[in-house]
PDB file of all heavy atoms in Angstrom:
ATOM      1  N   VAL A   1      -5.732   3.623  -2.352  1.00  0.00           N
ATOM      2  CA  VAL A   1      -6.289   2.972  -1.171  1.00  0.00           C
ATOM      3  C   VAL A   1      -7.266   1.875  -1.588  1.00  0.00           C
ATOM      4  O   VAL A   1      -7.258   0.774  -1.020  1.00  0.00           O
ATOM      5  CB  VAL A   1      -6.990   4.007  -0.263  1.00  0.00           C
ATOM      6  CG1 VAL A   1      -7.770   3.313   0.847  1.00  0.00           C
ATOM      7  CG2 VAL A   1      -5.967   4.969   0.336  1.00  0.00           C
ATOM      8  N   GLN A   2      -8.094   2.146  -2.586  1.00  0.00           N
ATOM      9  CA  GLN A   2      -9.037   1.134  -3.048  1.00  0.00           C
ATOM     10  C   GLN A   2      -8.325  -0.061  -3.646  1.00  0.00           C
ATOM     11  O   GLN A   2      -8.724  -1.211  -3.434  1.00  0.00           O
ATOM     12  CB  GLN A   2      -9.997   1.734  -4.081  1.00  0.00           C
ATOM     13  CG  GLN A   2     -11.059   0.749  -4.586  1.00  0.00           C
ATOM     14  CD  GLN A   2     -11.926   0.197  -3.481  1.00  0.00           C
ATOM     15  OE1 GLN A   2     -12.488   0.957  -2.686  1.00  0.00           O
ATOM     16  NE2 GLN A   2     -12.060  -1.130  -3.413  1.00  0.00           N
ATOM     17  N   ARG A   3      -7.245   0.195  -4.389  1.00  0.00           N
ATOM     18  CA  ARG A   3      -6.490  -0.915  -4.974  1.00  0.00           C
ATOM     19  C   ARG A   3      -5.863  -1.769  -3.882  1.00  0.00           C
ATOM     20  O   ARG A   3      -5.850  -3.007  -3.981  1.00  0.00           O
ATOM     21  CB  ARG A   3      -5.402  -0.372  -5.904  1.00  0.00           C
ATOM     22  CG  ARG A   3      -4.558  -1.439  -6.584  1.00  0.00           C
ATOM     23  CD  ARG A   3      -5.398  -2.401  -7.379  1.00  0.00           C
ATOM     24  NE  ARG A   3      -4.571  -3.363  -8.101  1.00  0.00           N
ATOM     25  CZ  ARG A   3      -5.040  -4.541  -8.545  1.00  0.00           C
ATOM     26  NH1 ARG A   3      -6.299  -4.886  -8.334  1.00  0.00           N
ATOM     27  NH2 ARG A   3      -4.229  -5.356  -9.193  1.00  0.00           N
ATOM     28  N   LEU A   4      -5.346  -1.151  -2.830  1.00  0.00           N
ATOM     29  CA  LEU A   4      -4.784  -1.903  -1.714  1.00  0.00           C
ATOM     30  C   LEU A   4      -5.858  -2.748  -1.029  1.00  0.00           C
ATOM     31  O   LEU A   4      -5.598  -3.882  -0.620  1.00  0.00           O
ATOM     32  CB  LEU A   4      -4.140  -0.954  -0.710  1.00  0.00           C
ATOM     33  CG  LEU A   4      -2.898  -0.201  -1.195  1.00  0.00           C
ATOM     34  CD1 LEU A   4      -2.477   0.847  -0.167  1.00  0.00           C
ATOM     35  CD2 LEU A   4      -1.733  -1.162  -1.472  1.00  0.00           C
ATOM     36  N   LEU A   5      -7.053  -2.204  -0.925  1.00  0.00           N
ATOM     37  CA  LEU A   5      -8.156  -2.956  -0.332  1.00  0.00           C
ATOM     38  C   LEU A   5      -8.509  -4.172  -1.188  1.00  0.00           C
ATOM     39  O   LEU A   5      -8.751  -5.265  -0.667  1.00  0.00           O
ATOM     40  CB  LEU A   5      -9.374  -2.048  -0.158  1.00  0.00           C
ATOM     41  CG  LEU A   5     -10.632  -2.688   0.438  1.00  0.00           C
ATOM     42  CD1 LEU A   5     -10.342  -3.270   1.817  1.00  0.00           C
ATOM     43  CD2 LEU A   5     -11.764  -1.664   0.518  1.00  0.00           C
ATOM     44  N   ASP A   6      -8.529  -3.970  -2.508  1.00  0.00           N
ATOM     45  CA  ASP A   6      -8.821  -5.088  -3.410  1.00  0.00           C
ATOM     46  C   ASP A   6      -7.759  -6.186  -3.285  1.00  0.00           C
ATOM     47  O   ASP A   6      -8.074  -7.381  -3.239  1.00  0.00           O
ATOM     48  CB  ASP A   6      -8.886  -4.602  -4.856  1.00  0.00           C
ATOM     49  CG  ASP A   6     -10.065  -3.670  -5.115  1.00  0.00           C
ATOM     50  OD1 ASP A   6     -11.016  -3.682  -4.313  1.00  0.00           O
ATOM     51  OD2 ASP A   6     -10.015  -2.923  -6.114  1.00  0.00           O
ATOM     52  N   LEU A   7      -6.492  -5.774  -3.224  1.00  0.00           N
ATOM     53  CA  LEU A   7      -5.407  -6.745  -3.125  1.00  0.00           C
ATOM     54  C   LEU A   7      -5.387  -7.418  -1.755  1.00  0.00           C
ATOM     55  O   LEU A   7      -4.961  -8.575  -1.642  1.00  0.00           O
ATOM     56  CB  LEU A   7      -4.063  -6.065  -3.395  1.00  0.00           C
ATOM     57  CG  LEU A   7      -3.834  -5.625  -4.849  1.00  0.00           C
ATOM     58  CD1 LEU A   7      -2.524  -4.852  -4.966  1.00  0.00           C
ATOM     59  CD2 LEU A   7      -3.820  -6.837  -5.780  1.00  0.00           C
ATOM     60  N   LYS A   8      -5.830  -6.717  -0.738  1.00  0.00           N
ATOM     61  CA  LYS A   8      -5.914  -7.326   0.589  1.00  0.00           C
ATOM     62  C   LYS A   8      -6.806  -8.559   0.564  1.00  0.00           C
ATOM     63  O   LYS A   8      -6.452  -9.603   1.130  1.00  0.00           O
ATOM     64  CB  LYS A   8      -6.470  -6.310   1.589  1.00  0.00           C
ATOM     65  CG  LYS A   8      -6.825  -6.912   2.944  1.00  0.00           C
ATOM     66  CD  LYS A   8      -7.476  -5.899   3.865  1.00  0.00           C
ATOM     67  CE  LYS A   8      -7.907  -6.557   5.174  1.00  0.00           C
ATOM     68  NZ  LYS A   8      -8.463  -5.574   6.138  1.00  0.00           N
ATOM     69  N   SER A   9      -7.940  -8.466  -0.092  1.00  0.00           N
ATOM     70  CA  SER A   9      -8.858  -9.602  -0.160  1.00  0.00           C
ATOM     71  C   SER A   9      -8.247 -10.771  -0.909  1.00  0.00           C
ATOM     72  O   SER A   9      -8.527 -11.931  -0.600  1.00  0.00           O
ATOM     73  CB  SER A   9     -10.170  -9.169  -0.840  1.00  0.00           C
ATOM     74  OG  SER A   9     -10.811  -8.156  -0.102  1.00  0.00           O
ATOM     75  N   GLU A  10      -7.395 -10.472  -1.886  1.00  0.00           N
ATOM     76  CA  GLU A  10      -6.775 -11.529  -2.682  1.00  0.00           C
ATOM     77  C   GLU A  10      -5.585 -12.160  -1.971  1.00  0.00           C
ATOM     78  O   GLU A  10      -5.426 -13.390  -1.972  1.00  0.00           O
ATOM     79  CB  GLU A  10      -6.333 -10.966  -4.027  1.00  0.00           C
ATOM     80  CG  GLU A  10      -5.645 -11.992  -4.921  1.00  0.00           C
ATOM     81  CD  GLU A  10      -5.261 -11.427  -6.275  1.00  0.00           C
ATOM     82  OE1 GLU A  10      -5.728 -10.315  -6.612  1.00  0.00           O
ATOM     83  OE2 GLU A  10      -4.491 -12.093  -6.990  1.00  0.00           O
ATOM     84  N   TRP A  11      -4.730 -11.330  -1.352  1.00  0.00           N
ATOM     85  CA  TRP A  11      -3.479 -11.833  -0.783  1.00  0.00           C
ATOM     86  C   TRP A  11      -3.572 -12.159   0.699  1.00  0.00           C
ATOM     87  O   TRP A  11      -2.650 -12.758   1.267  1.00  0.00           O
ATOM     88  CB  TRP A  11      -2.361 -10.812  -1.031  1.00  0.00           C
ATOM     89  CG  TRP A  11      -1.884 -10.857  -2.448  1.00  0.00           C
ATOM     90  CD1 TRP A  11      -2.341 -10.112  -3.502  1.00  0.00           C
ATOM     91  CD2 TRP A  11      -0.895 -11.735  -2.982  1.00  0.00           C
ATOM     92  NE1 TRP A  11      -1.692 -10.473  -4.654  1.00  0.00           N
ATOM     93  CE2 TRP A  11      -0.801 -11.463  -4.366  1.00  0.00           C
ATOM     94  CE3 TRP A  11      -0.074 -12.715  -2.428  1.00  0.00           C
ATOM     95  CZ2 TRP A  11       0.087 -12.145  -5.200  1.00  0.00           C
ATOM     96  CZ3 TRP A  11       0.805 -13.390  -3.249  1.00  0.00           C
ATOM     97  CH2 TRP A  11       0.880 -13.103  -4.621  1.00  0.00           C
ATOM     98  N   LYS A  12      -4.660 -11.756   1.346  1.00  0.00           N
ATOM     99  CA  LYS A  12      -4.881 -12.067   2.761  1.00  0.00           C
ATOM    100  C   LYS A  12      -3.785 -11.501   3.658  1.00  0.00           C
ATOM    101  O   LYS A  12      -3.320 -12.149   4.593  1.00  0.00           O
ATOM    102  CB  LYS A  12      -5.002 -13.587   2.969  1.00  0.00           C
ATOM    103  CG  LYS A  12      -6.024 -14.265   2.088  1.00  0.00           C
ATOM    104  CD  LYS A  12      -7.417 -13.699   2.273  1.00  0.00           C
ATOM    105  CE  LYS A  12      -8.427 -14.406   1.381  1.00  0.00           C
ATOM    106  NZ  LYS A  12      -9.775 -13.786   1.456  1.00  0.00           N
ATOM    107  N   VAL A  13      -3.374 -10.286   3.367  1.00  0.00           N
ATOM    108  CA  VAL A  13      -2.445  -9.542   4.216  1.00  0.00           C
ATOM    109  C   VAL A  13      -3.017  -8.142   4.393  1.00  0.00           C
ATOM    110  O   VAL A  13      -3.941  -7.740   3.690  1.00  0.00           O
ATOM    111  CB  VAL A  13      -1.027  -9.467   3.610  1.00  0.00           C
ATOM    112  CG1 VAL A  13      -0.400 -10.851   3.533  1.00  0.00           C
ATOM    113  CG2 VAL A  13      -1.050  -8.820   2.241  1.00  0.00           C
ATOM    114  N   SER A  14      -2.465  -7.384   5.310  1.00  0.00           N
ATOM    115  CA  SER A  14      -2.994  -6.055   5.580  1.00  0.00           C
ATOM    116  C   SER A  14      -2.695  -5.092   4.437  1.00  0.00           C
ATOM    117  O   SER A  14      -1.756  -5.281   3.653  1.00  0.00           O
ATOM    118  CB  SER A  14      -2.407  -5.498   6.882  1.00  0.00           C
ATOM    119  OG  SER A  14      -1.049  -5.135   6.699  1.00  0.00           O
ATOM    120  N   MET A  15      -3.491  -4.047   4.358  1.00  0.00           N
ATOM    121  CA  MET A  15      -3.251  -2.993   3.382  1.00  0.00           C
ATOM    122  C   MET A  15      -1.899  -2.334   3.653  1.00  0.00           C
ATOM    123  O   MET A  15      -1.200  -1.940   2.729  1.00  0.00           O
ATOM    124  CB  MET A  15      -4.376  -1.965   3.446  1.00  0.00           C
ATOM    125  CG  MET A  15      -5.748  -2.519   3.054  1.00  0.00           C
ATOM    126  SD  MET A  15      -7.112  -1.387   3.442  1.00  0.00           S
ATOM    127  CE  MET A  15      -6.774  -0.055   2.282  1.00  0.00           C
ATOM    128  N   TRP A  16      -1.521  -2.236   4.935  1.00  0.00           N
ATOM    129  CA  TRP A  16      -0.232  -1.640   5.285  1.00  0.00           C
ATOM    130  C   TRP A  16       0.927  -2.483   4.782  1.00  0.00           C
ATOM    131  O   TRP A  16       1.930  -1.959   4.295  1.00  0.00           O
ATOM    132  CB  TRP A  16      -0.138  -1.449   6.797  1.00  0.00           C
ATOM    133  CG  TRP A  16      -1.056  -0.391   7.313  1.00  0.00           C
ATOM    134  CD1 TRP A  16      -2.270  -0.569   7.924  1.00  0.00           C
ATOM    135  CD2 TRP A  16      -0.865   1.025   7.232  1.00  0.00           C
ATOM    136  NE1 TRP A  16      -2.835   0.642   8.230  1.00  0.00           N
ATOM    137  CE2 TRP A  16      -1.996   1.640   7.821  1.00  0.00           C
ATOM    138  CE3 TRP A  16       0.153   1.832   6.729  1.00  0.00           C
ATOM    139  CZ2 TRP A  16      -2.132   3.020   7.916  1.00  0.00           C
ATOM    140  CZ3 TRP A  16       0.023   3.214   6.819  1.00  0.00           C
ATOM    141  CH2 TRP A  16      -1.107   3.803   7.410  1.00  0.00           C
ATOM    142  N   ALA A  17       0.804  -3.804   4.895  1.00  0.00           N
ATOM    143  CA  ALA A  17       1.866  -4.687   4.390  1.00  0.00           C
ATOM    144  C   ALA A  17       1.992  -4.551   2.875  1.00  0.00           C
ATOM    145  O   ALA A  17       3.108  -4.527   2.331  1.00  0.00           O
ATOM    146  CB  ALA A  17       1.568  -6.134   4.771  1.00  0.00           C
ATOM    147  N   LEU A  18       0.880  -4.447   2.194  1.00  0.00           N
ATOM    148  CA  LEU A  18       0.902  -4.266   0.741  1.00  0.00           C
ATOM    149  C   LEU A  18       1.509  -2.922   0.365  1.00  0.00           C
ATOM    150  O   LEU A  18       2.274  -2.818  -0.606  1.00  0.00           O
ATOM    151  CB  LEU A  18      -0.513  -4.382   0.186  1.00  0.00           C
ATOM    152  CG  LEU A  18      -1.105  -5.794   0.167  1.00  0.00           C
ATOM    153  CD1 LEU A  18      -2.621  -5.734   0.054  1.00  0.00           C
ATOM    154  CD2 LEU A  18      -0.522  -6.599  -1.003  1.00  0.00           C
ATOM    155  N   LEU A  19       1.191  -1.886   1.134  1.00  0.00           N
ATOM    156  CA  LEU A  19       1.733  -0.564   0.857  1.00  0.00           C
ATOM    157  C   LEU A  19       3.256  -0.578   1.012  1.00  0.00           C
ATOM    158  O   LEU A  19       3.982  -0.053   0.159  1.00  0.00           O
ATOM    159  CB  LEU A  19       1.106   0.452   1.812  1.00  0.00           C
ATOM    160  CG  LEU A  19       1.597   1.901   1.686  1.00  0.00           C
ATOM    161  CD1 LEU A  19       1.281   2.468   0.308  1.00  0.00           C
ATOM    162  CD2 LEU A  19       0.973   2.765   2.790  1.00  0.00           C
ATOM    163  N   ARG A  20       3.751  -1.198   2.072  1.00  0.00           N
ATOM    164  CA  ARG A  20       5.201  -1.264   2.275  1.00  0.00           C
ATOM    165  C   ARG A  20       5.874  -2.131   1.213  1.00  0.00           C
ATOM    166  O   ARG A  20       6.995  -1.836   0.792  1.00  0.00           O
ATOM    167  CB  ARG A  20       5.505  -1.794   3.672  1.00  0.00           C
ATOM    168  CG  ARG A  20       5.059  -0.842   4.763  1.00  0.00           C
ATOM    169  CD  ARG A  20       5.542  -1.274   6.134  1.00  0.00           C
ATOM    170  NE  ARG A  20       4.918  -0.414   7.138  1.00  0.00           N
ATOM    171  CZ  ARG A  20       3.800  -0.704   7.794  1.00  0.00           C
ATOM    172  NH1 ARG A  20       3.204  -1.858   7.577  1.00  0.00           N
ATOM    173  NH2 ARG A  20       3.286   0.147   8.656  1.00  0.00           N
ATOM    174  N   ARG A  21       5.200  -3.183   0.804  1.00  0.00           N
ATOM    175  CA  ARG A  21       5.764  -4.033  -0.244  1.00  0.00           C
ATOM    176  C   ARG A  21       5.888  -3.254  -1.545  1.00  0.00           C
ATOM    177  O   ARG A  21       6.881  -3.390  -2.276  1.00  0.00           O
ATOM    178  CB  ARG A  21       4.870  -5.264  -0.436  1.00  0.00           C
ATOM    179  CG  ARG A  21       5.460  -6.382  -1.286  1.00  0.00           C
ATOM    180  CD  ARG A  21       6.650  -7.003  -0.649  1.00  0.00           C
ATOM    181  NE  ARG A  21       7.012  -8.273  -1.272  1.00  0.00           N
ATOM    182  CZ  ARG A  21       8.247  -8.738  -1.337  1.00  0.00           C
ATOM    183  NH1 ARG A  21       9.243  -8.044  -0.816  1.00  0.00           N
ATOM    184  NH2 ARG A  21       8.508  -9.900  -1.888  1.00  0.00           N
ATOM    185  N   ALA A  22       4.893  -2.444  -1.851  1.00  0.00           N
ATOM    186  CA  ALA A  22       4.937  -1.633  -3.071  1.00  0.00           C
ATOM    187  C   ALA A  22       6.119  -0.670  -3.042  1.00  0.00           C
ATOM    188  O   ALA A  22       6.806  -0.470  -4.044  1.00  0.00           O
ATOM    189  CB  ALA A  22       3.626  -0.868  -3.239  1.00  0.00           C
ATOM    190  N   ARG A  23       6.382  -0.093  -1.882  1.00  0.00           N
ATOM    191  CA  ARG A  23       7.527   0.822  -1.765  1.00  0.00           C
ATOM    192  C   ARG A  23       8.845   0.051  -1.861  1.00  0.00           C
ATOM    193  O   ARG A  23       9.768   0.474  -2.566  1.00  0.00           O
ATOM    194  CB  ARG A  23       7.470   1.592  -0.458  1.00  0.00           C
ATOM    195  CG  ARG A  23       8.636   2.570  -0.292  1.00  0.00           C
ATOM    196  CD  ARG A  23       8.592   3.326   1.015  1.00  0.00           C
ATOM    197  NE  ARG A  23       8.683   2.450   2.173  1.00  0.00           N
ATOM    198  CZ  ARG A  23       8.792   2.880   3.436  1.00  0.00           C
ATOM    199  NH1 ARG A  23       8.809   4.177   3.689  1.00  0.00           N
ATOM    200  NH2 ARG A  23       8.863   2.035   4.432  1.00  0.00           N
ATOM    201  N   THR A  24       8.949  -1.060  -1.159  1.00  0.00           N
ATOM    202  CA  THR A  24      10.182  -1.843  -1.166  1.00  0.00           C
ATOM    203  C   THR A  24      10.547  -2.311  -2.567  1.00  0.00           C
ATOM    204  O   THR A  24      11.721  -2.319  -2.951  1.00  0.00           O
ATOM    205  CB  THR A  24      10.040  -3.069  -0.238  1.00  0.00           C
ATOM    206  OG1 THR A  24       9.775  -2.615   1.093  1.00  0.00           O
ATOM    207  CG2 THR A  24      11.305  -3.909  -0.245  1.00  0.00           C
ATOM    208  N   LEU A  25       9.543  -2.685  -3.355  1.00  0.00           N
ATOM    209  CA  LEU A  25       9.785  -3.179  -4.711  1.00  0.00           C
ATOM    210  C   LEU A  25       9.928  -2.050  -5.734  1.00  0.00           C
ATOM    211  O   LEU A  25      10.121  -2.310  -6.921  1.00  0.00           O
ATOM    212  CB  LEU A  25       8.651  -4.123  -5.134  1.00  0.00           C
ATOM    213  CG  LEU A  25       8.512  -5.407  -4.302  1.00  0.00           C
ATOM    214  CD1 LEU A  25       7.337  -6.231  -4.795  1.00  0.00           C
ATOM    215  CD2 LEU A  25       9.800  -6.221  -4.336  1.00  0.00           C
ATOM    216  N   GLY A  26       9.817  -0.798  -5.285  1.00  0.00           N
ATOM    217  CA  GLY A  26       9.988   0.331  -6.188  1.00  0.00           C
ATOM    218  C   GLY A  26       8.794   0.610  -7.074  1.00  0.00           C
ATOM    219  O   GLY A  26       8.900   1.360  -8.053  1.00  0.00           O
ATOM    220  N   VAL A  27       7.642   0.032  -6.733  1.00  0.00           N
ATOM    221  CA  VAL A  27       6.433   0.284  -7.526  1.00  0.00           C
ATOM    222  C   VAL A  27       5.901   1.687  -7.262  1.00  0.00           C
ATOM    223  O   VAL A  27       5.341   2.327  -8.151  1.00  0.00           O
ATOM    224  CB  VAL A  27       5.362  -0.781  -7.207  1.00  0.00           C
ATOM    225  CG1 VAL A  27       4.057  -0.484  -7.951  1.00  0.00           C
ATOM    226  CG2 VAL A  27       5.870  -2.177  -7.578  1.00  0.00           C
ATOM    227  N   ILE A  28       6.063   2.160  -6.039  1.00  0.00           N
ATOM    228  CA  ILE A  28       5.677   3.533  -5.699  1.00  0.00           C
ATOM    229  C   ILE A  28       6.884   4.234  -5.086  1.00  0.00           C
ATOM    230  O   ILE A  28       7.799   3.600  -4.564  1.00  0.00           O
ATOM    231  CB  ILE A  28       4.483   3.577  -4.721  1.00  0.00           C
ATOM    232  CG1 ILE A  28       4.833   2.874  -3.399  1.00  0.00           C
ATOM    233  CG2 ILE A  28       3.246   2.982  -5.351  1.00  0.00           C
ATOM    234  CD1 ILE A  28       3.762   3.014  -2.329  1.00  0.00           C
ATOM    235  N   SER A  29       6.883   5.556  -5.155  1.00  0.00           N
ATOM    236  CA  SER A  29       7.969   6.356  -4.589  1.00  0.00           C
ATOM    237  C   SER A  29       7.740   6.571  -3.097  1.00  0.00           C
ATOM    238  O   SER A  29       6.659   6.298  -2.569  1.00  0.00           O
ATOM    239  CB  SER A  29       8.033   7.707  -5.294  1.00  0.00           C
ATOM    240  OG  SER A  29       6.860   8.469  -5.015  1.00  0.00           O
ATOM    241  N   ASP A  30       8.748   7.098  -2.432  1.00  0.00           N
ATOM    242  CA  ASP A  30       8.599   7.433  -1.017  1.00  0.00           C
ATOM    243  C   ASP A  30       7.502   8.475  -0.824  1.00  0.00           C
ATOM    244  O   ASP A  30       6.742   8.410   0.150  1.00  0.00           O
ATOM    245  CB  ASP A  30       9.919   7.966  -0.445  1.00  0.00           C
ATOM    246  CG  ASP A  30      10.969   6.880  -0.288  1.00  0.00           C
ATOM    247  OD1 ASP A  30      10.608   5.687  -0.311  1.00  0.00           O
ATOM    248  OD2 ASP A  30      12.160   7.237  -0.142  1.00  0.00           O
ATOM    249  N   TRP A  31       7.433   9.422  -1.758  1.00  0.00           N
ATOM    250  CA  TRP A  31       6.382  10.448  -1.670  1.00  0.00           C
ATOM    251  C   TRP A  31       5.005   9.817  -1.800  1.00  0.00           C
ATOM    252  O   TRP A  31       4.080  10.142  -1.032  1.00  0.00           O
ATOM    253  CB  TRP A  31       6.578  11.501  -2.759  1.00  0.00           C
ATOM    254  CG  TRP A  31       5.517  12.575  -2.728  1.00  0.00           C
ATOM    255  CD1 TRP A  31       5.520  13.705  -1.963  1.00  0.00           C
ATOM    256  CD2 TRP A  31       4.301  12.592  -3.481  1.00  0.00           C
ATOM    257  NE1 TRP A  31       4.379  14.439  -2.183  1.00  0.00           N
ATOM    258  CE2 TRP A  31       3.605  13.782  -3.121  1.00  0.00           C
ATOM    259  CE3 TRP A  31       3.721  11.747  -4.423  1.00  0.00           C
ATOM    260  CZ2 TRP A  31       2.378  14.122  -3.660  1.00  0.00           C
ATOM    261  CZ3 TRP A  31       2.485  12.078  -4.961  1.00  0.00           C
ATOM    262  CH2 TRP A  31       1.829  13.260  -4.588  1.00  0.00           C
ATOM    263  N   GLN A  32       4.817   8.910  -2.741  1.00  0.00           N
ATOM    264  CA  GLN A  32       3.531   8.223  -2.880  1.00  0.00           C
ATOM    265  C   GLN A  32       3.207   7.403  -1.637  1.00  0.00           C
ATOM    266  O   GLN A  32       2.058   7.358  -1.196  1.00  0.00           O
ATOM    267  CB  GLN A  32       3.556   7.314  -4.116  1.00  0.00           C
ATOM    268  CG  GLN A  32       3.556   8.056  -5.440  1.00  0.00           C
ATOM    269  CD  GLN A  32       3.767   7.112  -6.614  1.00  0.00           C
ATOM    270  OE1 GLN A  32       4.769   6.390  -6.674  1.00  0.00           O
ATOM    271  NE2 GLN A  32       2.826   7.105  -7.543  1.00  0.00           N
ATOM    272  N   TYR A  33       4.230   6.776  -1.098  1.00  0.00           N
ATOM    273  CA  TYR A  33       4.016   5.988   0.116  1.00  0.00           C
ATOM    274  C   TYR A  33       3.500   6.875   1.249  1.00  0.00           C
ATOM    275  O   TYR A  33       2.519   6.542   1.920  1.00  0.00           O
ATOM    276  CB  TYR A  33       5.325   5.306   0.529  1.00  0.00           C
ATOM    277  CG  TYR A  33       5.259   4.640   1.879  1.00  0.00           C
ATOM    278  CD1 TYR A  33       4.770   3.349   2.016  1.00  0.00           C
ATOM    279  CD2 TYR A  33       5.682   5.326   3.032  1.00  0.00           C
ATOM    280  CE1 TYR A  33       4.700   2.741   3.267  1.00  0.00           C
ATOM    281  CE2 TYR A  33       5.613   4.723   4.279  1.00  0.00           C
ATOM    282  CZ  TYR A  33       5.123   3.432   4.391  1.00  0.00           C
ATOM    283  OH  TYR A  33       5.047   2.843   5.619  1.00  0.00           O
ATOM    284  N   ARG A  34       4.162   8.007   1.460  1.00  0.00           N
ATOM    285  CA  ARG A  34       3.749   8.897   2.547  1.00  0.00           C
ATOM    286  C   ARG A  34       2.349   9.438   2.312  1.00  0.00           C
ATOM    287  O   ARG A  34       1.545   9.546   3.249  1.00  0.00           O
ATOM    288  CB  ARG A  34       4.756  10.042   2.686  1.00  0.00           C
ATOM    289  CG  ARG A  34       6.123   9.609   3.239  1.00  0.00           C
ATOM    290  CD  ARG A  34       6.961  10.818   3.625  1.00  0.00           C
ATOM    291  NE  ARG A  34       7.298  11.630   2.462  1.00  0.00           N
ATOM    292  CZ  ARG A  34       8.388  11.448   1.723  1.00  0.00           C
ATOM    293  NH1 ARG A  34       9.239  10.481   2.016  1.00  0.00           N
ATOM    294  NH2 ARG A  34       8.647  12.246   0.701  1.00  0.00           N
ATOM    295  N   THR A  35       2.034   9.771   1.067  1.00  0.00           N
ATOM    296  CA  THR A  35       0.708  10.299   0.750  1.00  0.00           C
ATOM    297  C   THR A  35      -0.377   9.274   1.048  1.00  0.00           C
ATOM    298  O   THR A  35      -1.412   9.590   1.660  1.00  0.00           O
ATOM    299  CB  THR A  35       0.642  10.715  -0.732  1.00  0.00           C
ATOM    300  OG1 THR A  35       1.623  11.732  -0.988  1.00  0.00           O
ATOM    301  CG2 THR A  35      -0.741  11.243  -1.087  1.00  0.00           C
ATOM    302  N   LEU A  36      -0.161   8.032   0.632  1.00  0.00           N
ATOM    303  CA  LEU A  36      -1.136   6.978   0.884  1.00  0.00           C
ATOM    304  C   LEU A  36      -1.230   6.656   2.371  1.00  0.00           C
ATOM    305  O   LEU A  36      -2.316   6.389   2.889  1.00  0.00           O
ATOM    306  CB  LEU A  36      -0.768   5.727   0.092  1.00  0.00           C
ATOM    307  CG  LEU A  36      -1.024   5.813  -1.414  1.00  0.00           C
ATOM    308  CD1 LEU A  36      -0.325   4.676  -2.153  1.00  0.00           C
ATOM    309  CD2 LEU A  36      -2.530   5.777  -1.696  1.00  0.00           C
ATOM    310  N   ALA A  37      -0.086   6.705   3.071  1.00  0.00           N
ATOM    311  CA  ALA A  37      -0.096   6.429   4.510  1.00  0.00           C
ATOM    312  C   ALA A  37      -0.920   7.481   5.250  1.00  0.00           C
ATOM    313  O   ALA A  37      -1.684   7.160   6.168  1.00  0.00           O
ATOM    314  CB  ALA A  37       1.328   6.386   5.048  1.00  0.00           C
ATOM    315  N   VAL A  38      -0.781   8.745   4.859  1.00  0.00           N
ATOM    316  CA  VAL A  38      -1.569   9.812   5.485  1.00  0.00           C
ATOM    317  C   VAL A  38      -3.053   9.600   5.207  1.00  0.00           C
ATOM    318  O   VAL A  38      -3.902   9.743   6.102  1.00  0.00           O
ATOM    319  CB  VAL A  38      -1.110  11.193   4.966  1.00  0.00           C
ATOM    320  CG1 VAL A  38      -2.096  12.281   5.388  1.00  0.00           C
ATOM    321  CG2 VAL A  38       0.287  11.519   5.482  1.00  0.00           C
ATOM    322  N   GLU A  39      -3.391   9.249   3.969  1.00  0.00           N
ATOM    323  CA  GLU A  39      -4.795   9.026   3.618  1.00  0.00           C
ATOM    324  C   GLU A  39      -5.376   7.859   4.415  1.00  0.00           C
ATOM    325  O   GLU A  39      -6.490   7.949   4.946  1.00  0.00           O
ATOM    326  CB  GLU A  39      -4.923   8.750   2.117  1.00  0.00           C
ATOM    327  CG  GLU A  39      -6.363   8.555   1.656  1.00  0.00           C
ATOM    328  CD  GLU A  39      -6.476   8.333   0.157  1.00  0.00           C
ATOM    329  OE1 GLU A  39      -5.442   8.397  -0.546  1.00  0.00           O
ATOM    330  OE2 GLU A  39      -7.611   8.097  -0.321  1.00  0.00           O
ATOM    331  N   MET A  40      -4.627   6.766   4.511  1.00  0.00           N
ATOM    332  CA  MET A  40      -5.118   5.609   5.256  1.00  0.00           C
ATOM    333  C   MET A  40      -5.257   5.920   6.737  1.00  0.00           C
ATOM    334  O   MET A  40      -6.207   5.479   7.392  1.00  0.00           O
ATOM    335  CB  MET A  40      -4.186   4.416   5.020  1.00  0.00           C
ATOM    336  CG  MET A  40      -4.293   3.850   3.608  1.00  0.00           C
ATOM    337  SD  MET A  40      -2.983   2.673   3.178  1.00  0.00           S
ATOM    338  CE  MET A  40      -3.238   1.389   4.404  1.00  0.00           C
ATOM    339  N   SER A  41      -4.332   6.704   7.270  1.00  0.00           N
ATOM    340  CA  SER A  41      -4.422   7.090   8.679  1.00  0.00           C
ATOM    341  C   SER A  41      -5.658   7.940   8.934  1.00  0.00           C
ATOM    342  O   SER A  41      -6.357   7.769   9.938  1.00  0.00           O
ATOM    343  CB  SER A  41      -3.168   7.854   9.099  1.00  0.00           C
ATOM    344  OG  SER A  41      -2.013   7.046   9.000  1.00  0.00           O
TER     345      SER A  41
END
């Protein structure tokens, strides 16, 4: 979550958009995506 926040300031997009991009590009697994989504929620 902190890394997404850091990247948000750099890329000027939402943390949610960055999280989905990470999943789409295969940087994180579906399980990691769901875990981070629950934490952010």
